[in-house]
Amino acid sequence: MSEKRVDAKNRWRNVMVSFRMSPEEAKELNVKVARKMEMYLEALLEELQFYDEKKMSQMDLDEILIPLKHILTILNESD
């Protein structure tokens, strides 16, 4: 059994997935991931607009922004 690992942000990383692909397949995968990120961002923005109309508290806003912060971190790391 493999050793359990913790990453730099103290999250468990005990499963590794690795595979090879051609440059064309890598481009296609990157496009699909980018589309998925755009979809998440659009959904998050819609949710923020809905909550803005409800005049939510700061705590609720912080909770909703956590996924956005995570997405931005991923995008910054990929640059």
PDB file of N, CA and C in Angstrom:
ATOM      1  N   MET A   1       0.844  -1.176   0.000  1.00  0.00           N
ATOM      2  CA  MET A   1       0.000   0.000   0.000  1.00  0.00           C
ATOM      3  C   MET A   1       0.890   1.240   0.000  1.00  0.00           C
ATOM      4  N   SER A   2       0.520   2.240  -0.776  1.00  0.00           N
ATOM      5  CA  SER A   2       1.360   3.425  -0.890  1.00  0.00           C
ATOM      6  C   SER A   2       1.196   4.339   0.323  1.00  0.00           C
ATOM      7  N   GLU A   3       2.203   5.148   0.527  1.00  0.00           N
ATOM      8  CA  GLU A   3       2.221   6.079   1.654  1.00  0.00           C
ATOM      9  C   GLU A   3       1.281   7.253   1.385  1.00  0.00           C
ATOM     10  N   LYS A   4       0.526   7.649   2.404  1.00  0.00           N
ATOM     11  CA  LYS A   4      -0.345   8.808   2.263  1.00  0.00           C
ATOM     12  C   LYS A   4       0.506  10.066   2.302  1.00  0.00           C
ATOM     13  N   ARG A   5       0.129  11.038   1.476  1.00  0.00           N
ATOM     14  CA  ARG A   5       0.903  12.273   1.383  1.00  0.00           C
ATOM     15  C   ARG A   5       0.022  13.478   1.615  1.00  0.00           C
ATOM     16  N   VAL A   6       0.649  14.545   2.089  1.00  0.00           N
ATOM     17  CA  VAL A   6      -0.033  15.817   2.300  1.00  0.00           C
ATOM     18  C   VAL A   6       0.665  16.849   1.415  1.00  0.00           C
ATOM     19  N   ASP A   7      -0.117  17.653   0.700  1.00  0.00           N
ATOM     20  CA  ASP A   7       0.490  18.659  -0.165  1.00  0.00           C
ATOM     21  C   ASP A   7       0.826  19.926   0.616  1.00  0.00           C
ATOM     22  N   ALA A   8       1.266  20.969  -0.076  1.00  0.00           N
ATOM     23  CA  ALA A   8       1.714  22.210   0.562  1.00  0.00           C
ATOM     24  C   ALA A   8       0.594  22.918   1.322  1.00  0.00           C
ATOM     25  N   LYS A   9      -0.652  22.652   0.952  1.00  0.00           N
ATOM     26  CA  LYS A   9      -1.794  23.289   1.617  1.00  0.00           C
ATOM     27  C   LYS A   9      -2.448  22.360   2.635  1.00  0.00           C
ATOM     28  N   ASN A  10      -1.719  21.325   3.048  1.00  0.00           N
ATOM     29  CA  ASN A  10      -2.156  20.392   4.081  1.00  0.00           C
ATOM     30  C   ASN A  10      -3.386  19.575   3.668  1.00  0.00           C
ATOM     31  N   ARG A  11      -3.501  19.263   2.362  1.00  0.00           N
ATOM     32  CA  ARG A  11      -4.589  18.415   1.873  1.00  0.00           C
ATOM     33  C   ARG A  11      -4.026  17.033   1.576  1.00  0.00           C
ATOM     34  N   TRP A  12      -4.812  16.004   1.844  1.00  0.00           N
ATOM     35  CA  TRP A  12      -4.370  14.638   1.581  1.00  0.00           C
ATOM     36  C   TRP A  12      -4.319  14.384   0.089  1.00  0.00           C
ATOM     37  N   ARG A  13      -3.221  13.840  -0.357  1.00  0.00           N
ATOM     38  CA  ARG A  13      -3.043  13.457  -1.747  1.00  0.00           C
ATOM     39  C   ARG A  13      -2.516  12.024  -1.752  1.00  0.00           C
ATOM     40  N   ASN A  14      -3.434  11.059  -1.735  1.00  0.00           N
ATOM     41  CA  ASN A  14      -2.998   9.669  -1.656  1.00  0.00           C
ATOM     42  C   ASN A  14      -3.333   8.868  -2.907  1.00  0.00           C
ATOM     43  N   VAL A  15      -3.775   9.543  -3.968  1.00  0.00           N
ATOM     44  CA  VAL A  15      -4.049   8.866  -5.231  1.00  0.00           C
ATOM     45  C   VAL A  15      -3.293   9.596  -6.328  1.00  0.00           C
ATOM     46  N   MET A  16      -2.534   8.859  -7.115  1.00  0.00           N
ATOM     47  CA  MET A  16      -1.807   9.479  -8.219  1.00  0.00           C
ATOM     48  C   MET A  16      -2.333   8.908  -9.524  1.00  0.00           C
ATOM     49  N   VAL A  17      -2.615   9.781 -10.455  1.00  0.00           N
ATOM     50  CA  VAL A  17      -3.082   9.374 -11.770  1.00  0.00           C
ATOM     51  C   VAL A  17      -2.100   9.923 -12.781  1.00  0.00           C
ATOM     52  N   SER A  18      -1.633   9.065 -13.671  1.00  0.00           N
ATOM     53  CA  SER A  18      -0.656   9.493 -14.660  1.00  0.00           C
ATOM     54  C   SER A  18      -0.905   8.751 -15.966  1.00  0.00           C
ATOM     55  N   PHE A  19      -0.795   9.458 -17.075  1.00  0.00           N
ATOM     56  CA  PHE A  19      -0.934   8.821 -18.374  1.00  0.00           C
ATOM     57  C   PHE A  19      -0.256   9.681 -19.420  1.00  0.00           C
ATOM     58  N   ARG A  20       0.046   9.082 -20.551  1.00  0.00           N
ATOM     59  CA  ARG A  20       0.697   9.790 -21.645  1.00  0.00           C
ATOM     60  C   ARG A  20      -0.332  10.150 -22.706  1.00  0.00           C
ATOM     61  N   MET A  21      -0.063  11.241 -23.417  1.00  0.00           N
ATOM     62  CA  MET A  21      -0.938  11.638 -24.510  1.00  0.00           C
ATOM     63  C   MET A  21      -0.141  12.435 -25.521  1.00  0.00           C
ATOM     64  N   SER A  22      -0.692  12.499 -26.710  1.00  0.00           N
ATOM     65  CA  SER A  22      -0.040  13.257 -27.775  1.00  0.00           C
ATOM     66  C   SER A  22      -0.232  14.754 -27.529  1.00  0.00           C
ATOM     67  N   PRO A  23       0.552  15.604 -28.192  1.00  0.00           N
ATOM     68  CA  PRO A  23       0.364  17.049 -28.041  1.00  0.00           C
ATOM     69  C   PRO A  23      -1.045  17.501 -28.449  1.00  0.00           C
ATOM     70  N   GLU A  24      -1.608  16.869 -29.457  1.00  0.00           N
ATOM     71  CA  GLU A  24      -2.964  17.218 -29.888  1.00  0.00           C
ATOM     72  C   GLU A  24      -3.988  16.879 -28.805  1.00  0.00           C
ATOM     73  N   GLU A  25      -3.818  15.706 -28.183  1.00  0.00           N
ATOM     74  CA  GLU A  25      -4.715  15.303 -27.104  1.00  0.00           C
ATOM     75  C   GLU A  25      -4.559  16.220 -25.890  1.00  0.00           C
ATOM     76  N   ALA A  26      -3.330  16.659 -25.621  1.00  0.00           N
ATOM     77  CA  ALA A  26      -3.089  17.561 -24.502  1.00  0.00           C
ATOM     78  C   ALA A  26      -3.787  18.899 -24.731  1.00  0.00           C
ATOM     79  N   LYS A  27      -3.732  19.412 -25.966  1.00  0.00           N
ATOM     80  CA  LYS A  27      -4.433  20.655 -26.291  1.00  0.00           C
ATOM     81  C   LYS A  27      -5.932  20.495 -26.102  1.00  0.00           C
ATOM     82  N   GLU A  28      -6.475  19.369 -26.569  1.00  0.00           N
ATOM     83  CA  GLU A  28      -7.906  19.102 -26.436  1.00  0.00           C
ATOM     84  C   GLU A  28      -8.313  19.031 -24.967  1.00  0.00           C
ATOM     85  N   LEU A  29      -7.500  18.366 -24.158  1.00  0.00           N
ATOM     86  CA  LEU A  29      -7.791  18.278 -22.725  1.00  0.00           C
ATOM     87  C   LEU A  29      -7.755  19.664 -22.071  1.00  0.00           C
ATOM     88  N   ASN A  30      -6.770  20.479 -22.428  1.00  0.00           N
ATOM     89  CA  ASN A  30      -6.678  21.828 -21.878  1.00  0.00           C
ATOM     90  C   ASN A  30      -7.891  22.675 -22.248  1.00  0.00           C
ATOM     91  N   VAL A  31      -8.380  22.512 -23.478  1.00  0.00           N
ATOM     92  CA  VAL A  31      -9.579  23.251 -23.902  1.00  0.00           C
ATOM     93  C   VAL A  31     -10.788  22.820 -23.076  1.00  0.00           C
ATOM     94  N   LYS A  32     -10.924  21.522 -22.864  1.00  0.00           N
ATOM     95  CA  LYS A  32     -12.056  21.027 -22.075  1.00  0.00           C
ATOM     96  C   LYS A  32     -11.992  21.516 -20.633  1.00  0.00           C
ATOM     97  N   VAL A  33     -10.801  21.544 -20.061  1.00  0.00           N
ATOM     98  CA  VAL A  33     -10.646  22.027 -18.685  1.00  0.00           C
ATOM     99  C   VAL A  33     -10.979  23.514 -18.616  1.00  0.00           C
ATOM    100  N   ALA A  34     -10.527  24.278 -19.609  1.00  0.00           N
ATOM    101  CA  ALA A  34     -10.816  25.716 -19.632  1.00  0.00           C
ATOM    102  C   ALA A  34     -12.319  25.961 -19.739  1.00  0.00           C
ATOM    103  N   ARG A  35     -13.007  25.177 -20.564  1.00  0.00           N
ATOM    104  CA  ARG A  35     -14.469  25.315 -20.690  1.00  0.00           C
ATOM    105  C   ARG A  35     -15.161  25.003 -19.372  1.00  0.00           C
ATOM    106  N   LYS A  36     -14.671  23.982 -18.695  1.00  0.00           N
ATOM    107  CA  LYS A  36     -15.259  23.607 -17.403  1.00  0.00           C
ATOM    108  C   LYS A  36     -15.070  24.735 -16.397  1.00  0.00           C
ATOM    109  N   MET A  37     -13.887  25.350 -16.377  1.00  0.00           N
ATOM    110  CA  MET A  37     -13.634  26.481 -15.478  1.00  0.00           C
ATOM    111  C   MET A  37     -14.566  27.641 -15.806  1.00  0.00           C
ATOM    112  N   GLU A  38     -14.746  27.919 -17.101  1.00  0.00           N
ATOM    113  CA  GLU A  38     -15.649  28.998 -17.503  1.00  0.00           C
ATOM    114  C   GLU A  38     -17.069  28.714 -17.025  1.00  0.00           C
ATOM    115  N   MET A  39     -17.479  27.463 -17.131  1.00  0.00           N
ATOM    116  CA  MET A  39     -18.813  27.071 -16.690  1.00  0.00           C
ATOM    117  C   MET A  39     -18.978  27.316 -15.185  1.00  0.00           C
ATOM    118  N   TYR A  40     -17.966  26.919 -14.411  1.00  0.00           N
ATOM    119  CA  TYR A  40     -18.015  27.143 -12.964  1.00  0.00           C
ATOM    120  C   TYR A  40     -18.066  28.633 -12.637  1.00  0.00           C
ATOM    121  N   LEU A  41     -17.259  29.414 -13.341  1.00  0.00           N
ATOM    122  CA  LEU A  41     -17.242  30.857 -13.087  1.00  0.00           C
ATOM    123  C   LEU A  41     -18.584  31.497 -13.419  1.00  0.00           C
ATOM    124  N   GLU A  42     -19.183  31.100 -14.542  1.00  0.00           N
ATOM    125  CA  GLU A  42     -20.491  31.644 -14.913  1.00  0.00           C
ATOM    126  C   GLU A  42     -21.547  31.300 -13.862  1.00  0.00           C
ATOM    127  N   ALA A  43     -21.535  30.060 -13.402  1.00  0.00           N
ATOM    128  CA  ALA A  43     -22.498  29.646 -12.377  1.00  0.00           C
ATOM    129  C   ALA A  43     -22.275  30.420 -11.088  1.00  0.00           C
ATOM    130  N   LEU A  44     -21.027  30.628 -10.733  1.00  0.00           N
ATOM    131  CA  LEU A  44     -20.708  31.370  -9.514  1.00  0.00           C
ATOM    132  C   LEU A  44     -21.156  32.821  -9.632  1.00  0.00           C
ATOM    133  N   LEU A  45     -20.939  33.433 -10.790  1.00  0.00           N
ATOM    134  CA  LEU A  45     -21.364  34.818 -10.986  1.00  0.00           C
ATOM    135  C   LEU A  45     -22.888  34.948 -10.928  1.00  0.00           C
ATOM    136  N   GLU A  46     -23.590  33.985 -11.494  1.00  0.00           N
ATOM    137  CA  GLU A  46     -25.051  33.989 -11.409  1.00  0.00           C
ATOM    138  C   GLU A  46     -25.497  33.897  -9.950  1.00  0.00           C
ATOM    139  N   GLU A  47     -24.831  33.046  -9.198  1.00  0.00           N
ATOM    140  CA  GLU A  47     -25.171  32.883  -7.784  1.00  0.00           C
ATOM    141  C   GLU A  47     -24.893  34.172  -7.010  1.00  0.00           C
ATOM    142  N   LEU A  48     -23.785  34.828  -7.329  1.00  0.00           N
ATOM    143  CA  LEU A  48     -23.462  36.090  -6.664  1.00  0.00           C
ATOM    144  C   LEU A  48     -24.499  37.162  -6.982  1.00  0.00           C
ATOM    145  N   GLN A  49     -24.977  37.213  -8.218  1.00  0.00           N
ATOM    146  CA  GLN A  49     -26.003  38.184  -8.586  1.00  0.00           C
ATOM    147  C   GLN A  49     -27.290  37.909  -7.821  1.00  0.00           C
ATOM    148  N   PHE A  50     -27.630  36.635  -7.675  1.00  0.00           N
ATOM    149  CA  PHE A  50     -28.830  36.259  -6.934  1.00  0.00           C
ATOM    150  C   PHE A  50     -28.707  36.698  -5.477  1.00  0.00           C
ATOM    151  N   TYR A  51     -27.534  36.419  -4.871  1.00  0.00           N
ATOM    152  CA  TYR A  51     -27.343  36.779  -3.472  1.00  0.00           C
ATOM    153  C   TYR A  51     -27.244  38.283  -3.273  1.00  0.00           C
ATOM    154  N   ASP A  52     -26.753  38.997  -4.267  1.00  0.00           N
ATOM    155  CA  ASP A  52     -26.663  40.455  -4.165  1.00  0.00           C
ATOM    156  C   ASP A  52     -28.063  41.048  -4.020  1.00  0.00           C
ATOM    157  N   GLU A  53     -29.021  40.453  -4.725  1.00  0.00           N
ATOM    158  CA  GLU A  53     -30.406  40.919  -4.629  1.00  0.00           C
ATOM    159  C   GLU A  53     -30.992  40.638  -3.246  1.00  0.00           C
ATOM    160  N   LYS A  54     -30.500  39.605  -2.573  1.00  0.00           N
ATOM    161  CA  LYS A  54     -31.009  39.236  -1.249  1.00  0.00           C
ATOM    162  C   LYS A  54     -30.323  40.002  -0.125  1.00  0.00           C
ATOM    163  N   LYS A  55     -29.295  40.773  -0.450  1.00  0.00           N
ATOM    164  CA  LYS A  55     -28.539  41.527   0.563  1.00  0.00           C
ATOM    165  C   LYS A  55     -28.024  40.601   1.666  1.00  0.00           C
ATOM    166  N   MET A  56     -27.153  39.697   1.278  1.00  0.00           N
ATOM    167  CA  MET A  56     -26.647  38.716   2.225  1.00  0.00           C
ATOM    168  C   MET A  56     -25.576  39.310   3.136  1.00  0.00           C
ATOM    169  N   SER A  57     -25.239  38.563   4.167  1.00  0.00           N
ATOM    170  CA  SER A  57     -24.236  39.011   5.127  1.00  0.00           C
ATOM    171  C   SER A  57     -22.831  38.767   4.570  1.00  0.00           C
ATOM    172  N   GLN A  58     -21.842  39.355   5.203  1.00  0.00           N
ATOM    173  CA  GLN A  58     -20.447  39.203   4.761  1.00  0.00           C
ATOM    174  C   GLN A  58     -19.988  37.756   4.890  1.00  0.00           C
ATOM    175  N   MET A  59     -20.453  37.054   5.922  1.00  0.00           N
ATOM    176  CA  MET A  59     -20.066  35.660   6.113  1.00  0.00           C
ATOM    177  C   MET A  59     -20.556  34.801   4.958  1.00  0.00           C
ATOM    178  N   ASP A  60     -21.786  35.024   4.504  1.00  0.00           N
ATOM    179  CA  ASP A  60     -22.316  34.274   3.371  1.00  0.00           C
ATOM    180  C   ASP A  60     -21.507  34.558   2.115  1.00  0.00           C
ATOM    181  N   LEU A  61     -21.132  35.802   1.914  1.00  0.00           N
ATOM    182  CA  LEU A  61     -20.359  36.175   0.742  1.00  0.00           C
ATOM    183  C   LEU A  61     -18.997  35.488   0.757  1.00  0.00           C
ATOM    184  N   ASP A  62     -18.342  35.473   1.900  1.00  0.00           N
ATOM    185  CA  ASP A  62     -17.040  34.812   2.009  1.00  0.00           C
ATOM    186  C   ASP A  62     -17.159  33.324   1.673  1.00  0.00           C
ATOM    187  N   GLU A  63     -18.220  32.693   2.126  1.00  0.00           N
ATOM    188  CA  GLU A  63     -18.425  31.269   1.859  1.00  0.00           C
ATOM    189  C   GLU A  63     -18.610  31.003   0.368  1.00  0.00           C
ATOM    190  N   ILE A  64     -19.289  31.895  -0.316  1.00  0.00           N
ATOM    191  CA  ILE A  64     -19.522  31.726  -1.752  1.00  0.00           C
ATOM    192  C   ILE A  64     -18.251  31.991  -2.549  1.00  0.00           C
ATOM    193  N   LEU A  65     -17.399  32.884  -2.061  1.00  0.00           N
ATOM    194  CA  LEU A  65     -16.194  33.244  -2.802  1.00  0.00           C
ATOM    195  C   LEU A  65     -15.073  32.217  -2.682  1.00  0.00           C
ATOM    196  N   ILE A  66     -15.187  31.262  -1.785  1.00  0.00           N
ATOM    197  CA  ILE A  66     -14.145  30.247  -1.626  1.00  0.00           C
ATOM    198  C   ILE A  66     -13.889  29.495  -2.935  1.00  0.00           C
ATOM    199  N   PRO A  67     -14.928  29.008  -3.651  1.00  0.00           N
ATOM    200  CA  PRO A  67     -14.643  28.334  -4.928  1.00  0.00           C
ATOM    201  C   PRO A  67     -13.977  29.251  -5.947  1.00  0.00           C
ATOM    202  N   LEU A  68     -14.355  30.517  -5.968  1.00  0.00           N
ATOM    203  CA  LEU A  68     -13.743  31.459  -6.899  1.00  0.00           C
ATOM    204  C   LEU A  68     -12.265  31.648  -6.575  1.00  0.00           C
ATOM    205  N   LYS A  69     -11.931  31.758  -5.306  1.00  0.00           N
ATOM    206  CA  LYS A  69     -10.534  31.893  -4.907  1.00  0.00           C
ATOM    207  C   LYS A  69      -9.747  30.653  -5.322  1.00  0.00           C
ATOM    208  N   HIS A  70     -10.355  29.479  -5.172  1.00  0.00           N
ATOM    209  CA  HIS A  70      -9.698  28.231  -5.553  1.00  0.00           C
ATOM    210  C   HIS A  70      -9.437  28.205  -7.057  1.00  0.00           C
ATOM    211  N   ILE A  71     -10.421  28.600  -7.853  1.00  0.00           N
ATOM    212  CA  ILE A  71     -10.264  28.619  -9.308  1.00  0.00           C
ATOM    213  C   ILE A  71      -9.167  29.603  -9.715  1.00  0.00           C
ATOM    214  N   LEU A  72      -9.156  30.771  -9.100  1.00  0.00           N
ATOM    215  CA  LEU A  72      -8.125  31.760  -9.424  1.00  0.00           C
ATOM    216  C   LEU A  72      -6.732  31.257  -9.057  1.00  0.00           C
ATOM    217  N   THR A  73      -6.620  30.532  -7.956  1.00  0.00           N
ATOM    218  CA  THR A  73      -5.334  29.952  -7.566  1.00  0.00           C
ATOM    219  C   THR A  73      -4.868  28.962  -8.620  1.00  0.00           C
ATOM    220  N   ILE A  74      -5.762  28.112  -9.092  1.00  0.00           N
ATOM    221  CA  ILE A  74      -5.415  27.125 -10.125  1.00  0.00           C
ATOM    222  C   ILE A  74      -4.974  27.834 -11.398  1.00  0.00           C
ATOM    223  N   LEU A  75      -5.710  28.870 -11.792  1.00  0.00           N
ATOM    224  CA  LEU A  75      -5.344  29.587 -13.010  1.00  0.00           C
ATOM    225  C   LEU A  75      -3.989  30.284 -12.869  1.00  0.00           C
ATOM    226  N   ASN A  76      -3.699  30.850 -11.714  1.00  0.00           N
ATOM    227  CA  ASN A  76      -2.421  31.517 -11.499  1.00  0.00           C
ATOM    228  C   ASN A  76      -1.264  30.528 -11.502  1.00  0.00           C
ATOM    229  N   GLU A  77      -1.481  29.335 -10.970  1.00  0.00           N
ATOM    230  CA  GLU A  77      -0.420  28.316 -10.924  1.00  0.00           C
ATOM    231  C   GLU A  77      -0.115  27.786 -12.317  1.00  0.00           C
ATOM    232  N   SER A  78      -1.101  27.790 -13.208  1.00  0.00           N
ATOM    233  CA  SER A  78      -0.894  27.243 -14.552  1.00  0.00           C
ATOM    234  C   SER A  78      -0.150  28.219 -15.463  1.00  0.00           C
ATOM    235  N   ASP A  79      -0.042  29.495 -15.066  1.00  0.00           N
ATOM    236  CA  ASP A  79       0.657  30.498 -15.903  1.00  0.00           C
ATOM    237  C   ASP A  79       2.133  30.418 -15.798  1.00  0.00           C
TER     238      ASP A  79
END
